[in-house]
PDB file of N, CA and C in Angstrom:
ATOM      1  N   MET A   1       5.555  58.931  98.778  1.00  0.00           N
ATOM      2  CA  MET A   1       6.729  59.462  99.438  1.00  0.00           C
ATOM      3  C   MET A   1       7.379  60.483  98.511  1.00  0.00           C
ATOM      4  N   SER A   2       7.653  61.663  99.013  1.00  0.00           N
ATOM      5  CA  SER A   2       8.246  62.707  98.184  1.00  0.00           C
ATOM      6  C   SER A   2       9.756  62.704  98.335  1.00  0.00           C
ATOM      7  N   SER A   3      10.423  63.063  97.250  1.00  0.00           N
ATOM      8  CA  SER A   3      11.873  63.147  97.308  1.00  0.00           C
ATOM      9  C   SER A   3      12.288  64.553  97.687  1.00  0.00           C
ATOM     10  N   ILE A   4      13.446  64.673  98.280  1.00  0.00           N
ATOM     11  CA  ILE A   4      13.944  65.980  98.690  1.00  0.00           C
ATOM     12  C   ILE A   4      14.765  66.543  97.541  1.00  0.00           C
ATOM     13  N   VAL A   5      14.290  67.647  97.003  1.00  0.00           N
ATOM     14  CA  VAL A   5      14.974  68.300  95.899  1.00  0.00           C
ATOM     15  C   VAL A   5      15.511  69.624  96.412  1.00  0.00           C
ATOM     16  N   PRO A   6      16.819  69.863  96.303  1.00  0.00           N
ATOM     17  CA  PRO A   6      17.356  71.136  96.795  1.00  0.00           C
ATOM     18  C   PRO A   6      16.781  72.310  96.020  1.00  0.00           C
ATOM     19  N   ARG A   7      16.425  73.338  96.726  1.00  0.00           N
ATOM     20  CA  ARG A   7      15.875  74.551  96.134  1.00  0.00           C
ATOM     21  C   ARG A   7      16.826  75.695  96.407  1.00  0.00           C
ATOM     22  N   ARG A   8      16.813  76.670  95.523  1.00  0.00           N
ATOM     23  CA  ARG A   8      17.644  77.840  95.788  1.00  0.00           C
ATOM     24  C   ARG A   8      16.996  78.652  96.909  1.00  0.00           C
ATOM     25  N   PRO A   9      17.789  79.202  97.801  1.00  0.00           N
ATOM     26  CA  PRO A   9      17.224  79.966  98.916  1.00  0.00           C
ATOM     27  C   PRO A   9      16.608  81.268  98.423  1.00  0.00           C
ATOM     28  N   LEU A  10      15.577  81.691  99.115  1.00  0.00           N
ATOM     29  CA  LEU A  10      14.963  82.975  98.811  1.00  0.00           C
ATOM     30  C   LEU A  10      15.882  84.084  99.290  1.00  0.00           C
ATOM     31  N   SER A  11      15.802  85.222  98.655  1.00  0.00           N
ATOM     32  CA  SER A  11      16.651  86.340  99.064  1.00  0.00           C
ATOM     33  C   SER A  11      16.279  86.803 100.462  1.00  0.00           C
ATOM     34  N   ASP A  12      17.260  87.341 101.180  1.00  0.00           N
ATOM     35  CA  ASP A  12      17.038  87.758 102.564  1.00  0.00           C
ATOM     36  C   ASP A  12      15.996  88.863 102.688  1.00  0.00           C
ATOM     37  N   ASN A  13      15.874  89.697 101.654  1.00  0.00           N
ATOM     38  CA  ASN A  13      14.944  90.822 101.758  1.00  0.00           C
ATOM     39  C   ASN A  13      13.547  90.464 101.247  1.00  0.00           C
ATOM     40  N   MET A  14      13.299  89.195 101.020  1.00  0.00           N
ATOM     41  CA  MET A  14      11.990  88.787 100.531  1.00  0.00           C
ATOM     42  C   MET A  14      10.942  88.911 101.632  1.00  0.00           C
ATOM     43  N   ASN A  15       9.952  89.702 101.372  1.00  0.00           N
ATOM     44  CA  ASN A  15       8.830  89.821 102.303  1.00  0.00           C
ATOM     45  C   ASN A  15       7.556  89.403 101.603  1.00  0.00           C
ATOM     46  N   ASN A  16       7.660  88.436 100.740  1.00  0.00           N
ATOM     47  CA  ASN A  16       6.513  87.994  99.973  1.00  0.00           C
ATOM     48  C   ASN A  16       5.709  86.931 100.704  1.00  0.00           C
ATOM     49  N   PHE A  17       5.338  87.215 101.927  1.00  0.00           N
ATOM     50  CA  PHE A  17       4.451  86.351 102.683  1.00  0.00           C
ATOM     51  C   PHE A  17       3.074  86.991 102.637  1.00  0.00           C
ATOM     52  N   GLU A  18       2.102  86.198 102.232  1.00  0.00           N
ATOM     53  CA  GLU A  18       0.719  86.655 102.205  1.00  0.00           C
ATOM     54  C   GLU A  18      -0.131  85.603 102.882  1.00  0.00           C
ATOM     55  N   ALA A  19      -1.381  85.952 103.181  1.00  0.00           N
ATOM     56  CA  ALA A  19      -2.263  84.992 103.842  1.00  0.00           C
ATOM     57  C   ALA A  19      -3.696  85.225 103.402  1.00  0.00           C
ATOM     58  N   LEU A  20      -4.434  84.137 103.291  1.00  0.00           N
ATOM     59  CA  LEU A  20      -5.859  84.232 103.005  1.00  0.00           C
ATOM     60  C   LEU A  20      -6.568  84.799 104.234  1.00  0.00           C
ATOM     61  N   ALA A  21      -7.715  85.385 104.008  1.00  0.00           N
ATOM     62  CA  ALA A  21      -8.504  85.943 105.110  1.00  0.00           C
ATOM     63  C   ALA A  21      -8.855  84.858 106.129  1.00  0.00           C
ATOM     64  N   GLU A  22      -9.154  83.658 105.654  1.00  0.00           N
ATOM     65  CA  GLU A  22      -9.486  82.547 106.550  1.00  0.00           C
ATOM     66  C   GLU A  22      -8.291  82.193 107.434  1.00  0.00           C
ATOM     67  N   PHE A  23      -7.102  82.237 106.856  1.00  0.00           N
ATOM     68  CA  PHE A  23      -5.895  81.960 107.628  1.00  0.00           C
ATOM     69  C   PHE A  23      -5.733  82.998 108.730  1.00  0.00           C
ATOM     70  N   GLU A  24      -5.900  84.271 108.368  1.00  0.00           N
ATOM     71  CA  GLU A  24      -5.768  85.363 109.352  1.00  0.00           C
ATOM     72  C   GLU A  24      -6.737  85.159 110.517  1.00  0.00           C
ATOM     73  N   LYS A  25      -7.951  84.771 110.202  1.00  0.00           N
ATOM     74  CA  LYS A  25      -8.971  84.553 111.235  1.00  0.00           C
ATOM     75  C   LYS A  25      -8.583  83.385 112.148  1.00  0.00           C
ATOM     76  N   GLU A  26      -8.113  82.286 111.547  1.00  0.00           N
ATOM     77  CA  GLU A  26      -7.679  81.125 112.336  1.00  0.00           C
ATOM     78  C   GLU A  26      -6.474  81.478 113.203  1.00  0.00           C
ATOM     79  N   PHE A  27      -5.535  82.234 112.634  1.00  0.00           N
ATOM     80  CA  PHE A  27      -4.336  82.621 113.363  1.00  0.00           C
ATOM     81  C   PHE A  27      -4.700  83.453 114.593  1.00  0.00           C
ATOM     82  N   LYS A  28      -5.586  84.427 114.419  1.00  0.00           N
ATOM     83  CA  LYS A  28      -5.992  85.283 115.548  1.00  0.00           C
ATOM     84  C   LYS A  28      -6.671  84.468 116.639  1.00  0.00           C
ATOM     85  N   ARG A  29      -7.500  83.498 116.242  1.00  0.00           N
ATOM     86  CA  ARG A  29      -8.187  82.659 117.228  1.00  0.00           C
ATOM     87  C   ARG A  29      -7.162  81.819 117.994  1.00  0.00           C
ATOM     88  N   LEU A  30      -6.195  81.234 117.285  1.00  0.00           N
ATOM     89  CA  LEU A  30      -5.172  80.414 117.946  1.00  0.00           C
ATOM     90  C   LEU A  30      -4.244  81.258 118.809  1.00  0.00           C
ATOM     91  N   LEU A  31      -3.978  82.491 118.384  1.00  0.00           N
ATOM     92  CA  LEU A  31      -3.102  83.383 119.139  1.00  0.00           C
ATOM     93  C   LEU A  31      -3.677  83.689 120.527  1.00  0.00           C
ATOM     94  N   LYS A  32      -4.993  83.734 120.640  1.00  0.00           N
ATOM     95  CA  LYS A  32      -5.624  83.966 121.940  1.00  0.00           C
ATOM     96  C   LYS A  32      -5.349  82.807 122.896  1.00  0.00           C
ATOM     97  N   LYS A  33      -5.262  81.591 122.356  1.00  0.00           N
ATOM     98  CA  LYS A  33      -5.013  80.405 123.182  1.00  0.00           C
ATOM     99  C   LYS A  33      -3.530  80.188 123.447  1.00  0.00           C
ATOM    100  N   TYR A  34      -2.709  80.427 122.420  1.00  0.00           N
ATOM    101  CA  TYR A  34      -1.286  80.086 122.487  1.00  0.00           C
ATOM    102  C   TYR A  34      -0.460  81.362 122.350  1.00  0.00           C
ATOM    103  N   LYS A  35      -0.063  81.919 123.471  1.00  0.00           N
ATOM    104  CA  LYS A  35       0.559  83.249 123.524  1.00  0.00           C
ATOM    105  C   LYS A  35       1.899  83.341 122.798  1.00  0.00           C
ATOM    106  N   THR A  36       2.601  82.232 122.618  1.00  0.00           N
ATOM    107  CA  THR A  36       3.898  82.285 121.936  1.00  0.00           C
ATOM    108  C   THR A  36       3.761  82.151 120.418  1.00  0.00           C
ATOM    109  N   LEU A  37       2.543  81.991 119.925  1.00  0.00           N
ATOM    110  CA  LEU A  37       2.323  81.706 118.509  1.00  0.00           C
ATOM    111  C   LEU A  37       2.918  82.776 117.592  1.00  0.00           C
ATOM    112  N   ASP A  38       2.765  84.041 117.937  1.00  0.00           N
ATOM    113  CA  ASP A  38       3.284  85.114 117.088  1.00  0.00           C
ATOM    114  C   ASP A  38       4.794  84.965 116.886  1.00  0.00           C
ATOM    115  N   ASP A  39       5.527  84.790 117.969  1.00  0.00           N
ATOM    116  CA  ASP A  39       6.974  84.630 117.898  1.00  0.00           C
ATOM    117  C   ASP A  39       7.352  83.321 117.198  1.00  0.00           C
ATOM    118  N   ASP A  40       6.630  82.256 117.500  1.00  0.00           N
ATOM    119  CA  ASP A  40       6.889  80.958 116.871  1.00  0.00           C
ATOM    120  C   ASP A  40       6.665  81.033 115.364  1.00  0.00           C
ATOM    121  N   PHE A  41       5.653  81.774 114.953  1.00  0.00           N
ATOM    122  CA  PHE A  41       5.349  81.905 113.524  1.00  0.00           C
ATOM    123  C   PHE A  41       6.441  82.697 112.796  1.00  0.00           C
ATOM    124  N   GLU A  42       7.001  83.702 113.459  1.00  0.00           N
ATOM    125  CA  GLU A  42       8.106  84.457 112.855  1.00  0.00           C
ATOM    126  C   GLU A  42       9.326  83.547 112.650  1.00  0.00           C
ATOM    127  N   LYS A  43       9.597  82.678 113.600  1.00  0.00           N
ATOM    128  CA  LYS A  43      10.694  81.715 113.454  1.00  0.00           C
ATOM    129  C   LYS A  43      10.404  80.742 112.314  1.00  0.00           C
ATOM    130  N   PHE A  44       9.155  80.323 112.217  1.00  0.00           N
ATOM    131  CA  PHE A  44       8.735  79.422 111.144  1.00  0.00           C
ATOM    132  C   PHE A  44       8.954  80.068 109.773  1.00  0.00           C
ATOM    133  N   LYS A  45       8.640  81.353 109.651  1.00  0.00           N
ATOM    134  CA  LYS A  45       8.834  82.050 108.378  1.00  0.00           C
ATOM    135  C   LYS A  45      10.316  82.123 108.011  1.00  0.00           C
ATOM    136  N   LYS A  46      11.191  82.222 108.989  1.00  0.00           N
ATOM    137  CA  LYS A  46      12.632  82.221 108.711  1.00  0.00           C
ATOM    138  C   LYS A  46      13.071  80.872 108.148  1.00  0.00           C
ATOM    139  N   VAL A  47      12.480  79.793 108.644  1.00  0.00           N
ATOM    140  CA  VAL A  47      12.762  78.463 108.095  1.00  0.00           C
ATOM    141  C   VAL A  47      12.318  78.413 106.633  1.00  0.00           C
ATOM    142  N   LEU A  48      11.154  78.973 106.349  1.00  0.00           N
ATOM    143  CA  LEU A  48      10.643  78.972 104.979  1.00  0.00           C
ATOM    144  C   LEU A  48      11.508  79.816 104.045  1.00  0.00           C
ATOM    145  N   LEU A  49      12.106  80.870 104.563  1.00  0.00           N
ATOM    146  CA  LEU A  49      13.012  81.665 103.739  1.00  0.00           C
ATOM    147  C   LEU A  49      14.207  80.834 103.290  1.00  0.00           C
ATOM    148  N   ALA A  50      14.688  79.980 104.167  1.00  0.00           N
ATOM    149  CA  ALA A  50      15.853  79.140 103.849  1.00  0.00           C
ATOM    150  C   ALA A  50      15.477  77.960 102.958  1.00  0.00           C
ATOM    151  N   THR A  51      14.355  77.322 103.245  1.00  0.00           N
ATOM    152  CA  THR A  51      13.912  76.156 102.481  1.00  0.00           C
ATOM    153  C   THR A  51      12.399  76.243 102.276  1.00  0.00           C
ATOM    154  N   PRO A  52      11.957  76.883 101.201  1.00  0.00           N
ATOM    155  CA  PRO A  52      10.526  77.139 100.987  1.00  0.00           C
ATOM    156  C   PRO A  52       9.625  75.906 100.960  1.00  0.00           C
ATOM    157  N   THR A  53      10.129  74.784 100.490  1.00  0.00           N
ATOM    158  CA  THR A  53       9.301  73.579 100.499  1.00  0.00           C
ATOM    159  C   THR A  53       9.707  72.635 101.622  1.00  0.00           C
ATOM    160  N   GLY A  54      10.601  73.097 102.488  1.00  0.00           N
ATOM    161  CA  GLY A  54      10.974  72.342 103.661  1.00  0.00           C
ATOM    162  C   GLY A  54      11.894  71.173 103.380  1.00  0.00           C
ATOM    163  N   VAL A  55      12.355  70.587 104.461  1.00  0.00           N
ATOM    164  CA  VAL A  55      13.231  69.417 104.407  1.00  0.00           C
ATOM    165  C   VAL A  55      12.785  68.471 105.507  1.00  0.00           C
ATOM    166  N   GLY A  56      12.750  67.210 105.204  1.00  0.00           N
ATOM    167  CA  GLY A  56      12.448  66.216 106.224  1.00  0.00           C
ATOM    168  C   GLY A  56      10.991  65.816 106.253  1.00  0.00           C
ATOM    169  N   LYS A  57      10.667  65.019 107.253  1.00  0.00           N
ATOM    170  CA  LYS A  57       9.332  64.423 107.333  1.00  0.00           C
ATOM    171  C   LYS A  57       8.252  65.398 107.803  1.00  0.00           C
ATOM    172  N   ASN A  58       8.632  66.573 108.306  1.00  0.00           N
ATOM    173  CA  ASN A  58       7.636  67.535 108.775  1.00  0.00           C
ATOM    174  C   ASN A  58       7.021  68.358 107.646  1.00  0.00           C
ATOM    175  N   PHE A  59       7.536  68.206 106.432  1.00  0.00           N
ATOM    176  CA  PHE A  59       7.014  68.932 105.277  1.00  0.00           C
ATOM    177  C   PHE A  59       6.568  67.932 104.213  1.00  0.00           C
ATOM    178  N   VAL A  60       5.324  68.065 103.749  1.00  0.00           N
ATOM    179  CA  VAL A  60       4.800  67.178 102.717  1.00  0.00           C
ATOM    180  C   VAL A  60       4.173  68.033 101.627  1.00  0.00           C
ATOM    181  N   VAL A  61       4.634  67.862 100.388  1.00  0.00           N
ATOM    182  CA  VAL A  61       4.031  68.562  99.258  1.00  0.00           C
ATOM    183  C   VAL A  61       2.763  67.799  98.899  1.00  0.00           C
ATOM    184  N   ILE A  62       1.594  68.460  99.031  1.00  0.00           N
ATOM    185  CA  ILE A  62       0.326  67.780  98.767  1.00  0.00           C
ATOM    186  C   ILE A  62      -0.235  68.114  97.388  1.00  0.00           C
ATOM    187  N   HIS A  63       0.353  69.117  96.727  1.00  0.00           N
ATOM    188  CA  HIS A  63      -0.034  69.463  95.348  1.00  0.00           C
ATOM    189  C   HIS A  63       1.167  70.119  94.692  1.00  0.00           C
ATOM    190  N   SER A  64       1.456  69.728  93.445  1.00  0.00           N
ATOM    191  CA  SER A  64       2.618  70.289  92.784  1.00  0.00           C
ATOM    192  C   SER A  64       2.375  70.460  91.295  1.00  0.00           C
ATOM    193  N   THR A  65       2.684  71.647  90.795  1.00  0.00           N
ATOM    194  CA  THR A  65       2.707  71.919  89.361  1.00  0.00           C
ATOM    195  C   THR A  65       4.016  72.645  89.076  1.00  0.00           C
ATOM    196  N   GLU A  66       4.212  73.070  87.843  1.00  0.00           N
ATOM    197  CA  GLU A  66       5.435  73.802  87.514  1.00  0.00           C
ATOM    198  C   GLU A  66       5.515  75.140  88.231  1.00  0.00           C
ATOM    199  N   THR A  67       4.365  75.755  88.516  1.00  0.00           N
ATOM    200  CA  THR A  67       4.368  77.105  89.081  1.00  0.00           C
ATOM    201  C   THR A  67       4.090  77.170  90.576  1.00  0.00           C
ATOM    202  N   ILE A  68       3.420  76.163  91.119  1.00  0.00           N
ATOM    203  CA  ILE A  68       2.998  76.235  92.524  1.00  0.00           C
ATOM    204  C   ILE A  68       3.153  74.884  93.207  1.00  0.00           C
ATOM    205  N   LYS A  69       3.513  74.950  94.484  1.00  0.00           N
ATOM    206  CA  LYS A  69       3.553  73.768  95.329  1.00  0.00           C
ATOM    207  C   LYS A  69       2.754  74.094  96.588  1.00  0.00           C
ATOM    208  N   VAL A  70       1.816  73.231  96.916  1.00  0.00           N
ATOM    209  CA  VAL A  70       1.060  73.384  98.158  1.00  0.00           C
ATOM    210  C   VAL A  70       1.670  72.408  99.156  1.00  0.00           C
ATOM    211  N   VAL A  71       2.058  72.948 100.319  1.00  0.00           N
ATOM    212  CA  VAL A  71       2.800  72.177 101.311  1.00  0.00           C
ATOM    213  C   VAL A  71       2.027  72.145 102.631  1.00  0.00           C
ATOM    214  N   LYS A  72       2.007  70.972 103.237  1.00  0.00           N
ATOM    215  CA  LYS A  72       1.450  70.803 104.578  1.00  0.00           C
ATOM    216  C   LYS A  72       2.625  70.544 105.499  1.00  0.00           C
ATOM    217  N   THR A  73       2.684  71.280 106.600  1.00  0.00           N
ATOM    218  CA  THR A  73       3.819  71.133 107.500  1.00  0.00           C
ATOM    219  C   THR A  73       3.383  71.177 108.955  1.00  0.00           C
ATOM    220  N   ARG A  74       4.244  70.648 109.785  1.00  0.00           N
ATOM    221  CA  ARG A  74       4.072  70.763 111.231  1.00  0.00           C
ATOM    222  C   ARG A  74       4.840  71.996 111.677  1.00  0.00           C
ATOM    223  N   MET A  75       4.253  72.741 112.585  1.00  0.00           N
ATOM    224  CA  MET A  75       4.928  73.923 113.102  1.00  0.00           C
ATOM    225  C   MET A  75       5.046  73.817 114.620  1.00  0.00           C
ATOM    226  N   ALA A  76       6.217  74.087 115.124  1.00  0.00           N
ATOM    227  CA  ALA A  76       6.446  74.035 116.566  1.00  0.00           C
ATOM    228  C   ALA A  76       5.808  75.241 117.240  1.00  0.00           C
ATOM    229  N   CYS A  77       5.224  75.008 118.389  1.00  0.00           N
ATOM    230  CA  CYS A  77       4.663  76.079 119.217  1.00  0.00           C
ATOM    231  C   CYS A  77       5.124  75.809 120.647  1.00  0.00           C
ATOM    232  N   ARG A  78       5.827  76.772 121.220  1.00  0.00           N
ATOM    233  CA  ARG A  78       6.370  76.568 122.575  1.00  0.00           C
ATOM    234  C   ARG A  78       5.280  76.374 123.603  1.00  0.00           C
ATOM    235  N   THR A  79       4.148  77.047 123.441  1.00  0.00           N
ATOM    236  CA  THR A  79       3.049  76.880 124.388  1.00  0.00           C
ATOM    237  C   THR A  79       2.559  75.434 124.389  1.00  0.00           C
ATOM    238  N   LEU A  80       2.505  74.829 123.212  1.00  0.00           N
ATOM    239  CA  LEU A  80       2.027  73.448 123.076  1.00  0.00           C
ATOM    240  C   LEU A  80       3.126  72.424 123.346  1.00  0.00           C
ATOM    241  N   ARG A  81       4.374  72.888 123.381  1.00  0.00           N
ATOM    242  CA  ARG A  81       5.538  72.026 123.621  1.00  0.00           C
ATOM    243  C   ARG A  81       5.643  70.902 122.587  1.00  0.00           C
ATOM    244  N   GLY A  82       5.425  71.267 121.342  1.00  0.00           N
ATOM    245  CA  GLY A  82       5.545  70.251 120.299  1.00  0.00           C
ATOM    246  C   GLY A  82       5.108  70.783 118.949  1.00  0.00           C
ATOM    247  N   ARG A  83       4.986  69.865 118.011  1.00  0.00           N
ATOM    248  CA  ARG A  83       4.613  70.231 116.658  1.00  0.00           C
ATOM    249  C   ARG A  83       3.156  69.850 116.393  1.00  0.00           C
ATOM    250  N   SER A  84       2.253  70.339 117.207  1.00  0.00           N
ATOM    251  CA  SER A  84       0.840  70.001 117.068  1.00  0.00           C
ATOM    252  C   SER A  84       0.081  70.955 116.170  1.00  0.00           C
ATOM    253  N   LEU A  85       0.731  72.005 115.695  1.00  0.00           N
ATOM    254  CA  LEU A  85       0.078  72.921 114.763  1.00  0.00           C
ATOM    255  C   LEU A  85       0.417  72.500 113.340  1.00  0.00           C
ATOM    256  N   ARG A  86      -0.553  72.640 112.468  1.00  0.00           N
ATOM    257  CA  ARG A  86      -0.349  72.345 111.056  1.00  0.00           C
ATOM    258  C   ARG A  86      -0.557  73.627 110.262  1.00  0.00           C
ATOM    259  N   VAL A  87       0.293  73.828 109.270  1.00  0.00           N
ATOM    260  CA  VAL A  87       0.195  74.989 108.395  1.00  0.00           C
ATOM    261  C   VAL A  87       0.179  74.485 106.958  1.00  0.00           C
ATOM    262  N   ILE A  88      -0.778  74.982 106.190  1.00  0.00           N
ATOM    263  CA  ILE A  88      -0.861  74.683 104.766  1.00  0.00           C
ATOM    264  C   ILE A  88      -0.527  75.987 104.044  1.00  0.00           C
ATOM    265  N   TYR A  89       0.406  75.914 103.090  1.00  0.00           N
ATOM    266  CA  TYR A  89       0.773  77.117 102.351  1.00  0.00           C
ATOM    267  C   TYR A  89       1.097  76.781 100.908  1.00  0.00           C
ATOM    268  N   ALA A  90       1.019  77.811 100.068  1.00  0.00           N
ATOM    269  CA  ALA A  90       1.366  77.673  98.657  1.00  0.00           C
ATOM    270  C   ALA A  90       2.674  78.405  98.418  1.00  0.00           C
ATOM    271  N   TYR A  91       3.564  77.747  97.702  1.00  0.00           N
ATOM    272  CA  TYR A  91       4.847  78.353  97.354  1.00  0.00           C
ATOM    273  C   TYR A  91       4.896  78.541  95.841  1.00  0.00           C
ATOM    274  N   PHE A  92       5.025  79.800  95.431  1.00  0.00           N
ATOM    275  CA  PHE A  92       5.139  80.160  94.022  1.00  0.00           C
ATOM    276  C   PHE A  92       6.621  80.349  93.718  1.00  0.00           C
ATOM    277  N   GLU A  93       7.230  79.354  93.081  1.00  0.00           N
ATOM    278  CA  GLU A  93       8.682  79.347  92.898  1.00  0.00           C
ATOM    279  C   GLU A  93       9.172  80.504  92.029  1.00  0.00           C
ATOM    280  N   GLN A  94       8.493  80.788  90.923  1.00  0.00           N
ATOM    281  CA  GLN A  94       8.928  81.861  90.023  1.00  0.00           C
ATOM    282  C   GLN A  94       8.921  83.221  90.716  1.00  0.00           C
ATOM    283  N   GLU A  95       7.886  83.466  91.501  1.00  0.00           N
ATOM    284  CA  GLU A  95       7.727  84.758  92.187  1.00  0.00           C
ATOM    285  C   GLU A  95       8.427  84.777  93.538  1.00  0.00           C
ATOM    286  N   GLN A  96       8.880  83.614  93.985  1.00  0.00           N
ATOM    287  CA  GLN A  96       9.451  83.460  95.319  1.00  0.00           C
ATOM    288  C   GLN A  96       8.510  84.053  96.371  1.00  0.00           C
ATOM    289  N   ARG A  97       7.257  83.574  96.316  1.00  0.00           N
ATOM    290  CA  ARG A  97       6.207  84.088  97.186  1.00  0.00           C
ATOM    291  C   ARG A  97       5.536  82.916  97.888  1.00  0.00           C
ATOM    292  N   ILE A  98       5.187  83.146  99.143  1.00  0.00           N
ATOM    293  CA  ILE A  98       4.478  82.144  99.932  1.00  0.00           C
ATOM    294  C   ILE A  98       3.158  82.736 100.395  1.00  0.00           C
ATOM    295  N   GLU A  99       2.099  81.956 100.196  1.00  0.00           N
ATOM    296  CA  GLU A  99       0.776  82.386 100.645  1.00  0.00           C
ATOM    297  C   GLU A  99       0.224  81.327 101.598  1.00  0.00           C
ATOM    298  N   PHE A 100      -0.082  81.763 102.808  1.00  0.00           N
ATOM    299  CA  PHE A 100      -0.598  80.854 103.830  1.00  0.00           C
ATOM    300  C   PHE A 100      -2.082  80.626 103.606  1.00  0.00           C
ATOM    301  N   ILE A 101      -2.471  79.352 103.614  1.00  0.00           N
ATOM    302  CA  ILE A 101      -3.848  78.969 103.306  1.00  0.00           C
ATOM    303  C   ILE A 101      -4.619  78.586 104.563  1.00  0.00           C
ATOM    304  N   GLN A 102      -3.990  77.809 105.449  1.00  0.00           N
ATOM    305  CA  GLN A 102      -4.700  77.318 106.634  1.00  0.00           C
ATOM    306  C   GLN A 102      -3.722  77.056 107.766  1.00  0.00           C
ATOM    307  N   ILE A 103      -4.183  77.279 108.996  1.00  0.00           N
ATOM    308  CA  ILE A 103      -3.445  76.893 110.199  1.00  0.00           C
ATOM    309  C   ILE A 103      -4.462  76.287 111.151  1.00  0.00           C
ATOM    310  N   TYR A 104      -4.073  75.170 111.777  1.00  0.00           N
ATOM    311  CA  TYR A 104      -4.984  74.545 112.735  1.00  0.00           C
ATOM    312  C   TYR A 104      -4.202  73.733 113.756  1.00  0.00           C
ATOM    313  N   PHE A 105      -4.875  73.501 114.881  1.00  0.00           N
ATOM    314  CA  PHE A 105      -4.324  72.684 115.961  1.00  0.00           C
ATOM    315  C   PHE A 105      -4.767  71.249 115.722  1.00  0.00           C
ATOM    316  N   LYS A 106      -3.818  70.349 115.673  1.00  0.00           N
ATOM    317  CA  LYS A 106      -4.091  68.943 115.362  1.00  0.00           C
ATOM    318  C   LYS A 106      -5.078  68.312 116.354  1.00  0.00           C
ATOM    319  N   GLY A 107      -5.101  68.794 117.587  1.00  0.00           N
ATOM    320  CA  GLY A 107      -6.019  68.258 118.581  1.00  0.00           C
ATOM    321  C   GLY A 107      -7.474  68.646 118.349  1.00  0.00           C
ATOM    322  N   GLU A 108      -7.707  69.714 117.569  1.00  0.00           N
ATOM    323  CA  GLU A 108      -9.070  70.177 117.285  1.00  0.00           C
ATOM    324  C   GLU A 108      -9.579  69.683 115.944  1.00  0.00           C
ATOM    325  N   LYS A 109      -8.659  69.457 115.033  1.00  0.00           N
ATOM    326  CA  LYS A 109      -9.046  69.104 113.668  1.00  0.00           C
ATOM    327  C   LYS A 109      -8.069  68.057 113.155  1.00  0.00           C
ATOM    328  N   GLU A 110      -8.601  66.965 112.639  1.00  0.00           N
ATOM    329  CA  GLU A 110      -7.755  65.845 112.225  1.00  0.00           C
ATOM    330  C   GLU A 110      -6.966  66.125 110.951  1.00  0.00           C
ATOM    331  N   ASN A 111      -7.632  66.706 109.940  1.00  0.00           N
ATOM    332  CA  ASN A 111      -6.999  66.922 108.644  1.00  0.00           C
ATOM    333  C   ASN A 111      -7.243  68.324 108.122  1.00  0.00           C
ATOM    334  N   GLU A 112      -6.475  68.672 107.087  1.00  0.00           N
ATOM    335  CA  GLU A 112      -6.631  69.968 106.443  1.00  0.00           C
ATOM    336  C   GLU A 112      -7.981  70.063 105.741  1.00  0.00           C
ATOM    337  N   ASP A 113      -8.392  71.288 105.459  1.00  0.00           N
ATOM    338  CA  ASP A 113      -9.647  71.551 104.750  1.00  0.00           C
ATOM    339  C   ASP A 113      -9.370  71.401 103.255  1.00  0.00           C
ATOM    340  N   ARG A 114      -9.594  70.218 102.734  1.00  0.00           N
ATOM    341  CA  ARG A 114      -9.277  69.942 101.326  1.00  0.00           C
ATOM    342  C   ARG A 114     -10.126  70.770 100.381  1.00  0.00           C
ATOM    343  N   GLU A 115     -11.362  71.051 100.779  1.00  0.00           N
ATOM    344  CA  GLU A 115     -12.222  71.885  99.930  1.00  0.00           C
ATOM    345  C   GLU A 115     -11.658  73.298  99.801  1.00  0.00           C
ATOM    346  N   ARG A 116     -11.114  73.836 100.878  1.00  0.00           N
ATOM    347  CA  ARG A 116     -10.506  75.164 100.823  1.00  0.00           C
ATOM    348  C   ARG A 116      -9.302  75.159  99.876  1.00  0.00           C
ATOM    349  N   ILE A 117      -8.514  74.099  99.944  1.00  0.00           N
ATOM    350  CA  ILE A 117      -7.343  73.998  99.067  1.00  0.00           C
ATOM    351  C   ILE A 117      -7.776  73.895  97.612  1.00  0.00           C
ATOM    352  N   LYS A 118      -8.777  73.070  97.331  1.00  0.00           N
ATOM    353  CA  LYS A 118      -9.281  72.942  95.955  1.00  0.00           C
ATOM    354  C   LYS A 118      -9.814  74.280  95.445  1.00  0.00           C
ATOM    355  N   GLU A 119     -10.569  74.966  96.284  1.00  0.00           N
ATOM    356  CA  GLU A 119     -11.115  76.274  95.908  1.00  0.00           C
ATOM    357  C   GLU A 119      -9.969  77.269  95.654  1.00  0.00           C
ATOM    358  N   TYR A 120      -8.976  77.252  96.510  1.00  0.00           N
ATOM    359  CA  TYR A 120      -7.812  78.131  96.342  1.00  0.00           C
ATOM    360  C   TYR A 120      -7.135  77.878  94.994  1.00  0.00           C
ATOM    361  N   LEU A 121      -6.914  76.615  94.674  1.00  0.00           N
ATOM    362  CA  LEU A 121      -6.240  76.255  93.427  1.00  0.00           C
ATOM    363  C   LEU A 121      -7.079  76.638  92.206  1.00  0.00           C
ATOM    364  N   ARG A 122      -8.411  76.555  92.317  1.00  0.00           N
ATOM    365  CA  ARG A 122      -9.278  76.976  91.206  1.00  0.00           C
ATOM    366  C   ARG A 122      -9.201  78.477  90.964  1.00  0.00           C
ATOM    367  N   ASN A 123      -8.967  79.233  92.038  1.00  0.00           N
ATOM    368  CA  ASN A 123      -9.012  80.696  91.940  1.00  0.00           C
ATOM    369  C   ASN A 123      -7.660  81.366  91.648  1.00  0.00           C
ATOM    370  N   ILE A 124      -6.585  80.590  91.558  1.00  0.00           N
ATOM    371  CA  ILE A 124      -5.299  81.236  91.270  1.00  0.00           C
ATOM    372  C   ILE A 124      -5.007  81.265  89.776  1.00  0.00           C
TER     373      ILE A 124
END
């Protein structure tokens, strides 16, 4: 069980959102199925600007070091009418940067791609 630690908010002009190529490919595939995903994802990014590691049970830190936190979260999608999408991202606190690693629909895939996360962590 993770504790909730208050974080300083990211600056409003922060556009330090990046994504792995695999994430981009998954996002485009899901966007074809779920037409509201683009707008829903923009709202999700605004939540991350306010609380980069999230608050509550919908955000779980699955890896943490002094420089990086990898977070698994539920994301709401209006087309799906719920929080059936999962997003895995890395938050670099010093740089105030977020890099999206994976997005998937919970109904298609039970868990995150742990090998992708391990590979990502080896390469940073």
